Amino acid sequence: MQTELAVFIFFALATLVGAASVALSRNIFWSAMGLLSSLIGVGGLYVLLSADFVAITQLLVYIGGVLVLIIFAVMLTSHIQDINISNRSMGLFGGYAVFFVVSTLLSFVALWAPWKLTGKEPVADTTAALGDGLLGTWLLPFEITSVLLVATLVGAIVIARKEVKPDS
């Protein structure tokens, strides 16, 4: 039981520190590294919840796809520091106010909610049931989502590519 608690605290801290790094870092590369830490922490929490398929999907899709795409976009836009940003800290007070209200509300809910405690249930294999659902009942929404993601990636590439102007 102590080992599970220590592993939970490790993954929870990795998630929280990574998320704070994403929000507070002024360097976009280090924000991406904070996102990596946060996504790995969330994947680890899914493993602790015995949601093995969701954990692997989290790691493959978000880290293997989205985060790599973000890092490539950062590397391809090497002259992004030349852009003049006129309102660097315009919403700082509003951000702190929203943080205070949301953290107070979440703390209140976490401390005063009547949490139902149950005994530990045996770990069940969820991968087969999810695979059958995705390739059976939910096949059409799954394929539509796949096409939408491919269209999004193609759109991002079209927007990111440099225009080649012909010599006049």
C-alpha atoms as a PDB file:
ATOM      1  CA  MET A   1       0.000   0.000   0.000  1.00  0.00           C
ATOM      2  CA  GLN A   2       2.844   2.429   0.785  1.00  0.00           C
ATOM      3  CA  THR A   3       4.476   1.733  -2.579  1.00  0.00           C
ATOM      4  CA  GLU A   4       1.247   2.570  -4.440  1.00  0.00           C
ATOM      5  CA  LEU A   5       0.923   5.805  -2.485  1.00  0.00           C
ATOM      6  CA  ALA A   6       4.529   6.781  -3.244  1.00  0.00           C
ATOM      7  CA  VAL A   7       4.074   6.033  -6.958  1.00  0.00           C
ATOM      8  CA  PHE A   8       0.797   7.998  -6.984  1.00  0.00           C
ATOM      9  CA  ILE A   9       2.451  10.988  -5.320  1.00  0.00           C
ATOM     10  CA  PHE A  10       5.329  10.825  -7.817  1.00  0.00           C
ATOM     11  CA  PHE A  11       3.019  10.812 -10.853  1.00  0.00           C
ATOM     12  CA  ALA A  12       0.731  13.463  -9.348  1.00  0.00           C
ATOM     13  CA  LEU A  13       3.699  15.755  -8.662  1.00  0.00           C
ATOM     14  CA  ALA A  14       5.091  15.150 -12.157  1.00  0.00           C
ATOM     15  CA  THR A  15       1.707  16.105 -13.587  1.00  0.00           C
ATOM     16  CA  LEU A  16       1.311  19.234 -11.456  1.00  0.00           C
ATOM     17  CA  VAL A  17       4.886  20.477 -11.865  1.00  0.00           C
ATOM     18  CA  GLY A  18       4.733  19.858 -15.611  1.00  0.00           C
ATOM     19  CA  ALA A  19       1.420  21.695 -15.921  1.00  0.00           C
ATOM     20  CA  ALA A  20       2.767  24.622 -13.911  1.00  0.00           C
ATOM     21  CA  SER A  21       5.840  24.668 -16.132  1.00  0.00           C
ATOM     22  CA  VAL A  22       3.642  24.855 -19.231  1.00  0.00           C
ATOM     23  CA  ALA A  23       1.726  27.815 -17.839  1.00  0.00           C
ATOM     24  CA  LEU A  24       4.587  29.721 -16.240  1.00  0.00           C
ATOM     25  CA  SER A  25       7.551  29.205 -18.561  1.00  0.00           C
ATOM     26  CA  ARG A  26       8.422  32.030 -20.945  1.00  0.00           C
ATOM     27  CA  ASN A  27      10.413  29.688 -23.204  1.00  0.00           C
ATOM     28  CA  ILE A  28       8.162  27.658 -25.495  1.00  0.00           C
ATOM     29  CA  PHE A  29      10.609  24.744 -25.656  1.00  0.00           C
ATOM     30  CA  TRP A  30      10.630  24.382 -21.871  1.00  0.00           C
ATOM     31  CA  SER A  31       6.843  24.665 -21.929  1.00  0.00           C
ATOM     32  CA  ALA A  32       6.830  21.683 -24.296  1.00  0.00           C
ATOM     33  CA  MET A  33       9.095  19.785 -21.903  1.00  0.00           C
ATOM     34  CA  GLY A  34       6.697  20.609 -19.064  1.00  0.00           C
ATOM     35  CA  LEU A  35       3.868  19.271 -21.219  1.00  0.00           C
ATOM     36  CA  LEU A  36       5.879  16.070 -21.686  1.00  0.00           C
ATOM     37  CA  SER A  37       6.229  15.708 -17.912  1.00  0.00           C
ATOM     38  CA  SER A  38       2.543  16.377 -17.392  1.00  0.00           C
ATOM     39  CA  LEU A  39       1.453  13.870 -20.046  1.00  0.00           C
ATOM     40  CA  ILE A  40       3.749  11.161 -18.684  1.00  0.00           C
ATOM     41  CA  GLY A  41       2.353  11.809 -15.211  1.00  0.00           C
ATOM     42  CA  VAL A  42      -1.227  11.486 -16.454  1.00  0.00           C
ATOM     43  CA  GLY A  43      -0.289   8.263 -18.271  1.00  0.00           C
ATOM     44  CA  GLY A  44       1.178   6.918 -15.056  1.00  0.00           C
ATOM     45  CA  LEU A  45      -1.998   7.798 -13.167  1.00  0.00           C
ATOM     46  CA  TYR A  46      -3.998   5.882 -15.780  1.00  0.00           C
ATOM     47  CA  VAL A  47      -1.782   2.854 -15.173  1.00  0.00           C
ATOM     48  CA  LEU A  48      -2.476   3.115 -11.442  1.00  0.00           C
ATOM     49  CA  LEU A  49      -6.207   3.147 -12.246  1.00  0.00           C
ATOM     50  CA  SER A  50      -5.792  -0.101 -14.227  1.00  0.00           C
ATOM     51  CA  ALA A  51      -6.756   1.680 -17.440  1.00  0.00           C
ATOM     52  CA  ASP A  52      -3.953   0.167 -19.489  1.00  0.00           C
ATOM     53  CA  PHE A  53      -5.422   0.916 -22.913  1.00  0.00           C
ATOM     54  CA  VAL A  54      -6.095   4.556 -22.059  1.00  0.00           C
ATOM     55  CA  ALA A  55      -2.568   4.912 -20.647  1.00  0.00           C
ATOM     56  CA  ILE A  56      -0.911   3.530 -23.778  1.00  0.00           C
ATOM     57  CA  THR A  57      -3.188   5.616 -25.995  1.00  0.00           C
ATOM     58  CA  GLN A  58      -2.292   8.682 -23.929  1.00  0.00           C
ATOM     59  CA  LEU A  59       1.394   8.039 -24.437  1.00  0.00           C
ATOM     60  CA  LEU A  60       1.158   7.182 -28.143  1.00  0.00           C
ATOM     61  CA  VAL A  61      -1.258   9.877 -29.265  1.00  0.00           C
ATOM     62  CA  TYR A  62      -0.344  12.826 -27.103  1.00  0.00           C
ATOM     63  CA  ILE A  63       3.365  12.273 -26.605  1.00  0.00           C
ATOM     64  CA  GLY A  64       4.091  10.440 -29.835  1.00  0.00           C
ATOM     65  CA  GLY A  65       1.933  12.653 -32.003  1.00  0.00           C
ATOM     66  CA  VAL A  66       0.852  15.969 -30.570  1.00  0.00           C
ATOM     67  CA  LEU A  67       3.918  16.786 -28.489  1.00  0.00           C
ATOM     68  CA  VAL A  68       6.340  15.793 -31.255  1.00  0.00           C
ATOM     69  CA  LEU A  69       4.354  18.006 -33.641  1.00  0.00           C
ATOM     70  CA  ILE A  70       4.586  20.917 -31.195  1.00  0.00           C
ATOM     71  CA  ILE A  71       8.349  20.452 -30.804  1.00  0.00           C
ATOM     72  CA  PHE A  72       8.814  20.288 -34.590  1.00  0.00           C
ATOM     73  CA  ALA A  73       6.758  23.470 -34.966  1.00  0.00           C
ATOM     74  CA  VAL A  74       8.933  25.176 -32.362  1.00  0.00           C
ATOM     75  CA  MET A  75      12.105  24.050 -34.101  1.00  0.00           C
ATOM     76  CA  LEU A  76      10.828  25.140 -37.534  1.00  0.00           C
ATOM     77  CA  THR A  77       9.918  28.613 -36.319  1.00  0.00           C
ATOM     78  CA  SER A  78      13.417  29.657 -35.332  1.00  0.00           C
ATOM     79  CA  HIS A  79      12.775  33.377 -35.814  1.00  0.00           C
ATOM     80  CA  ILE A  80       9.798  33.543 -33.482  1.00  0.00           C
ATOM     81  CA  GLN A  81      11.759  35.660 -30.992  1.00  0.00           C
ATOM     82  CA  ASP A  82      11.917  38.500 -33.555  1.00  0.00           C
ATOM     83  CA  ILE A  83       8.176  39.124 -33.225  1.00  0.00           C
ATOM     84  CA  ASN A  84       7.195  42.102 -31.067  1.00  0.00           C
ATOM     85  CA  ILE A  85       4.485  41.194 -28.558  1.00  0.00           C
ATOM     86  CA  SER A  86       2.736  44.315 -27.346  1.00  0.00           C
ATOM     87  CA  ASN A  87       0.796  42.973 -24.330  1.00  0.00           C
ATOM     88  CA  ARG A  88       3.176  40.665 -22.484  1.00  0.00           C
ATOM     89  CA  SER A  89       1.483  40.721 -19.079  1.00  0.00           C
ATOM     90  CA  MET A  90      -1.901  42.182 -19.840  1.00  0.00           C
ATOM     91  CA  GLY A  91      -3.957  39.415 -18.233  1.00  0.00           C
ATOM     92  CA  LEU A  92      -1.702  38.633 -15.279  1.00  0.00           C
ATOM     93  CA  PHE A  93      -4.129  39.909 -12.625  1.00  0.00           C
ATOM     94  CA  GLY A  94      -7.067  38.119 -14.255  1.00  0.00           C
ATOM     95  CA  GLY A  95      -5.060  34.910 -14.461  1.00  0.00           C
ATOM     96  CA  TYR A  96      -4.231  35.044 -10.764  1.00  0.00           C
ATOM     97  CA  ALA A  97      -7.869  35.787  -9.912  1.00  0.00           C
ATOM     98  CA  VAL A  98      -9.123  32.825 -11.956  1.00  0.00           C
ATOM     99  CA  PHE A  99      -6.439  30.581 -10.410  1.00  0.00           C
ATOM    100  CA  PHE A 100      -7.457  31.615  -6.893  1.00  0.00           C
ATOM    101  CA  VAL A 101     -11.185  31.080  -7.504  1.00  0.00           C
ATOM    102  CA  VAL A 102     -10.752  27.719  -9.251  1.00  0.00           C
ATOM    103  CA  SER A 103      -8.222  26.360  -6.740  1.00  0.00           C
ATOM    104  CA  THR A 104     -10.435  27.441  -3.829  1.00  0.00           C
ATOM    105  CA  LEU A 105     -13.476  25.772  -5.404  1.00  0.00           C
ATOM    106  CA  LEU A 106     -11.595  22.551  -6.198  1.00  0.00           C
ATOM    107  CA  SER A 107     -10.095  22.420  -2.705  1.00  0.00           C
ATOM    108  CA  PHE A 108     -13.538  22.878  -1.172  1.00  0.00           C
ATOM    109  CA  VAL A 109     -14.993  20.082  -3.314  1.00  0.00           C
ATOM    110  CA  ALA A 110     -12.066  17.742  -2.596  1.00  0.00           C
ATOM    111  CA  LEU A 111     -12.226  18.261   1.165  1.00  0.00           C
ATOM    112  CA  TRP A 112     -15.982  18.312   1.761  1.00  0.00           C
ATOM    113  CA  ALA A 113     -17.376  15.912  -0.845  1.00  0.00           C
ATOM    114  CA  PRO A 114     -18.734  12.619   0.528  1.00  0.00           C
ATOM    115  CA  TRP A 115     -16.287  10.269  -1.195  1.00  0.00           C
ATOM    116  CA  LYS A 116     -17.508   6.684  -1.350  1.00  0.00           C
ATOM    117  CA  LEU A 117     -14.735   4.302  -0.321  1.00  0.00           C
ATOM    118  CA  THR A 118     -14.837   0.758  -1.621  1.00  0.00           C
ATOM    119  CA  GLY A 119     -12.558  -2.218  -1.334  1.00  0.00           C
ATOM    120  CA  LYS A 120      -9.934  -2.837  -3.947  1.00  0.00           C
ATOM    121  CA  GLU A 121     -11.435  -4.715  -6.875  1.00  0.00           C
ATOM    122  CA  PRO A 122      -9.435  -7.180  -8.948  1.00  0.00           C
ATOM    123  CA  VAL A 123      -7.731  -5.747 -12.007  1.00  0.00           C
ATOM    124  CA  ALA A 124      -9.678  -6.477 -15.181  1.00  0.00           C
ATOM    125  CA  ASP A 125      -8.297  -6.461 -18.716  1.00  0.00           C
ATOM    126  CA  THR A 126      -9.891  -3.503 -20.502  1.00  0.00           C
ATOM    127  CA  THR A 127      -7.989  -3.665 -23.770  1.00  0.00           C
ATOM    128  CA  ALA A 128     -10.075  -6.421 -25.393  1.00  0.00           C
ATOM    129  CA  ALA A 129     -13.389  -4.743 -24.587  1.00  0.00           C
ATOM    130  CA  LEU A 130     -12.194  -1.357 -25.840  1.00  0.00           C
ATOM    131  CA  GLY A 131     -10.751  -2.885 -28.999  1.00  0.00           C
ATOM    132  CA  ASP A 132     -14.022  -4.699 -29.718  1.00  0.00           C
ATOM    133  CA  GLY A 133     -15.961  -1.492 -29.132  1.00  0.00           C
ATOM    134  CA  LEU A 134     -13.715   0.646 -31.339  1.00  0.00           C
ATOM    135  CA  LEU A 135     -13.737  -1.871 -34.176  1.00  0.00           C
ATOM    136  CA  GLY A 136     -17.381  -2.834 -33.789  1.00  0.00           C
ATOM    137  CA  THR A 137     -20.017  -0.552 -32.333  1.00  0.00           C
ATOM    138  CA  TRP A 138     -17.997   2.675 -32.527  1.00  0.00           C
ATOM    139  CA  LEU A 139     -16.178   2.050 -35.831  1.00  0.00           C
ATOM    140  CA  LEU A 140     -17.746   4.929 -37.784  1.00  0.00           C
ATOM    141  CA  PRO A 141     -17.060   7.652 -35.138  1.00  0.00           C
ATOM    142  CA  PHE A 142     -13.543   6.241 -34.738  1.00  0.00           C
ATOM    143  CA  GLU A 143     -12.879   6.522 -38.482  1.00  0.00           C
ATOM    144  CA  ILE A 144     -14.411  10.007 -38.685  1.00  0.00           C
ATOM    145  CA  THR A 145     -12.110  11.102 -35.867  1.00  0.00           C
ATOM    146  CA  SER A 146      -9.124   9.607 -37.714  1.00  0.00           C
ATOM    147  CA  VAL A 147      -9.986  11.518 -40.894  1.00  0.00           C
ATOM    148  CA  LEU A 148     -10.487  14.710 -38.875  1.00  0.00           C
ATOM    149  CA  LEU A 149      -7.062  14.333 -37.243  1.00  0.00           C
ATOM    150  CA  VAL A 150      -5.372  13.739 -40.614  1.00  0.00           C
ATOM    151  CA  ALA A 151      -7.139  16.797 -42.054  1.00  0.00           C
ATOM    152  CA  THR A 152      -5.953  18.845 -39.062  1.00  0.00           C
ATOM    153  CA  LEU A 153      -2.352  17.749 -39.579  1.00  0.00           C
ATOM    154  CA  VAL A 154      -2.503  18.534 -43.311  1.00  0.00           C
ATOM    155  CA  GLY A 155      -3.992  21.947 -42.500  1.00  0.00           C
ATOM    156  CA  ALA A 156      -1.219  22.641 -39.993  1.00  0.00           C
ATOM    157  CA  ILE A 157       1.406  21.748 -42.594  1.00  0.00           C
ATOM    158  CA  VAL A 158      -0.228  24.003 -45.197  1.00  0.00           C
ATOM    159  CA  ILE A 159      -0.372  26.903 -42.746  1.00  0.00           C
ATOM    160  CA  ALA A 160       3.204  26.359 -41.523  1.00  0.00           C
ATOM    161  CA  ARG A 161       4.903  26.062 -44.908  1.00  0.00           C
ATOM    162  CA  LYS A 162       6.603  29.079 -46.366  1.00  0.00           C
ATOM    163  CA  GLU A 163       5.168  30.675 -49.463  1.00  0.00           C
ATOM    164  CA  VAL A 164       7.507  30.584 -52.447  1.00  0.00           C
ATOM    165  CA  LYS A 165       7.134  33.777 -54.442  1.00  0.00           C
ATOM    166  CA  PRO A 166       8.114  33.630 -58.092  1.00  0.00           C
ATOM    167  CA  ASP A 167      10.754  36.073 -59.271  1.00  0.00           C
ATOM    168  CA  SER A 168       9.178  38.898 -61.211  1.00  0.00           C
END
